[in-house]
Amino acid sequence: MEATQIREENGGRKGVQGGDAQKENEDILKKIIASHPLYEVLIESHINCLKVGLNGGGEVDATTAAWKKLVDSKSKATSSPNTSELDHFMEAYCMALRKLKEAIEEPTKETNAFIRATYLQLKELNHP
């Protein structure tokens, strides 16, 4: 909705001004996205996806608490018809990143369990 309004406001500009208007629109959209309540959760979810293989599952997922709090507060407001396209997009993107993280974590957990079991078996073989 916000993007549509911005496009309509600057739609008549063309030529050199059109490039400036497009840059201005992009800056406005970036500010709108960065000020969205789910932006911080989105960034944390993205970083957690990148960290999955590095820490071996020992990290505390700060996103879970933040996500639950935002979902609880949004669940009361989602019945209103004023929910914007950006709200829906941010929610869907956060959910997709959470599912991606879980999908990446599963093989890592299985691998770690296999390595631990193998290590224990080798340790038992060395101690008669």
Protein backbone atom coordinates (compact mmCIF):
# COMPACT_ATOMS: atom_id res chain seq x y z
CA MET A 1 0.00 0.00 0.00
CA GLU A 2 2.78 2.43 0.93
CA ALA A 3 4.73 1.50 -2.22
CA THR A 4 1.64 2.04 -4.37
CA GLN A 5 1.09 5.48 -2.87
CA ILE A 6 4.71 6.47 -3.45
CA ARG A 7 4.56 5.29 -7.08
CA GLU A 8 1.34 7.24 -7.68
CA GLU A 9 2.73 10.43 -6.14
CA ASN A 10 5.86 10.42 -8.29
CA GLY A 11 4.44 8.66 -11.36
CA GLY A 12 4.32 11.78 -13.53
CA ARG A 13 8.06 12.48 -13.37
CA LYS A 14 10.13 11.43 -16.40
CA GLY A 15 13.60 11.76 -17.87
CA VAL A 16 16.42 12.84 -15.57
CA GLN A 17 13.94 13.69 -12.87
CA GLY A 18 12.52 10.16 -13.21
CA GLY A 19 15.85 8.69 -12.07
CA ASP A 20 15.90 11.07 -9.13
CA ALA A 21 12.30 10.22 -8.30
CA GLN A 22 13.10 6.50 -8.43
CA LYS A 23 16.06 6.98 -6.10
CA GLU A 24 13.87 9.06 -3.79
CA ASN A 25 11.17 6.34 -3.85
CA GLU A 26 13.75 3.67 -3.00
CA ASP A 27 15.02 5.73 -0.07
CA ILE A 28 11.48 6.23 1.22
CA LEU A 29 10.75 2.51 0.89
CA LYS A 30 13.97 1.64 2.74
CA LYS A 31 12.96 3.98 5.57
CA ILE A 32 9.47 2.47 5.73
CA ILE A 33 10.87 -1.05 5.86
CA ALA A 34 13.57 -0.17 8.42
CA SER A 35 10.97 1.42 10.71
CA HIS A 36 8.64 -1.60 10.55
CA PRO A 37 8.13 -3.39 13.91
CA LEU A 38 9.22 -6.73 12.42
CA TYR A 39 12.42 -5.38 10.82
CA GLU A 40 14.58 -6.21 13.84
CA VAL A 41 13.13 -9.73 14.02
CA LEU A 42 13.79 -10.13 10.29
CA ILE A 43 17.43 -9.14 10.68
CA GLU A 44 17.93 -11.41 13.72
CA SER A 45 16.29 -14.31 11.87
CA HIS A 46 18.57 -13.77 8.89
CA ILE A 47 21.68 -13.64 11.08
CA ASN A 48 20.57 -16.78 12.93
CA CYS A 49 20.27 -18.61 9.61
CA LEU A 50 23.84 -17.63 8.81
CA LYS A 51 25.10 -18.70 12.26
CA VAL A 52 23.51 -22.17 12.33
CA GLY A 53 26.60 -24.13 11.33
CA LEU A 54 29.08 -21.97 13.23
CA ASN A 55 28.03 -22.36 16.86
CA GLY A 56 26.86 -25.95 16.82
CA GLY A 57 23.42 -25.25 18.28
CA GLY A 58 24.62 -23.80 21.58
CA GLU A 59 23.28 -20.34 20.93
CA VAL A 60 20.19 -18.89 22.53
CA ASP A 61 17.66 -17.88 19.93
CA ALA A 62 16.73 -14.33 20.89
CA THR A 63 14.40 -14.19 17.93
CA THR A 64 11.96 -16.67 19.43
CA ALA A 65 11.01 -14.43 22.35
CA ALA A 66 10.85 -11.33 20.15
CA TRP A 67 8.80 -13.17 17.53
CA LYS A 68 6.31 -14.51 20.10
CA LYS A 69 5.86 -11.06 21.61
CA LEU A 70 5.24 -9.50 18.20
CA VAL A 71 2.91 -12.28 17.08
CA ASP A 72 0.90 -11.94 20.29
CA SER A 73 0.58 -8.19 19.87
CA LYS A 74 -0.17 -8.50 16.14
CA SER A 75 -2.75 -11.25 16.61
CA LYS A 76 -5.04 -8.76 18.32
CA ALA A 77 -4.56 -6.25 15.51
CA THR A 78 -4.71 -8.61 12.51
CA SER A 79 -8.48 -8.58 12.47
CA SER A 80 -8.41 -4.96 11.34
CA PRO A 81 -8.64 -4.37 7.58
CA ASN A 82 -5.78 -1.83 7.73
CA THR A 83 -3.07 -4.49 7.70
CA SER A 84 -0.74 -3.43 4.92
CA GLU A 85 1.01 -5.41 2.22
CA LEU A 86 4.29 -4.69 3.99
CA ASP A 87 2.95 -6.23 7.22
CA HIS A 88 2.01 -9.40 5.37
CA PHE A 89 5.33 -9.50 3.55
CA MET A 90 7.41 -8.98 6.70
CA GLU A 91 5.46 -11.67 8.58
CA ALA A 92 5.80 -14.14 5.70
CA TYR A 93 9.52 -13.39 5.29
CA CYS A 94 10.19 -13.85 9.02
CA MET A 95 8.31 -17.15 8.99
CA ALA A 96 10.23 -18.31 5.92
CA LEU A 97 13.55 -17.49 7.59
CA ARG A 98 12.52 -19.35 10.76
CA LYS A 99 11.57 -22.42 8.70
CA LEU A 100 14.83 -22.18 6.75
CA LYS A 101 16.82 -22.05 9.99
CA GLU A 102 15.01 -25.12 11.29
CA ALA A 103 15.62 -26.94 7.99
CA ILE A 104 19.32 -26.09 8.15
CA GLU A 105 19.59 -27.06 11.83
CA GLU A 106 18.10 -30.54 11.47
CA PRO A 107 20.95 -32.14 9.47
CA THR A 108 23.47 -30.39 11.72
CA LYS A 109 21.85 -31.85 14.83
CA GLU A 110 21.77 -35.31 13.26
CA THR A 111 25.43 -35.04 12.27
CA ASN A 112 26.45 -33.92 15.75
CA ALA A 113 24.51 -36.80 17.32
CA PHE A 114 26.20 -39.27 14.98
CA ILE A 115 29.65 -37.88 15.78
CA ARG A 116 28.98 -38.04 19.54
CA ALA A 117 27.76 -41.64 19.28
CA THR A 118 30.78 -42.63 17.19
CA TYR A 119 33.11 -40.92 19.64
CA LEU A 120 31.55 -42.82 22.56
CA GLN A 121 31.88 -46.12 20.73
CA LEU A 122 35.55 -45.44 19.97
CA LYS A 123 36.14 -44.44 23.58
CA GLU A 124 34.56 -47.72 24.77
CA LEU A 125 36.80 -49.70 22.40
CA ASN A 126 39.91 -48.05 23.85
CA HIS A 127 38.95 -48.88 27.45
CA PRO A 128 38.63 -52.69 27.83
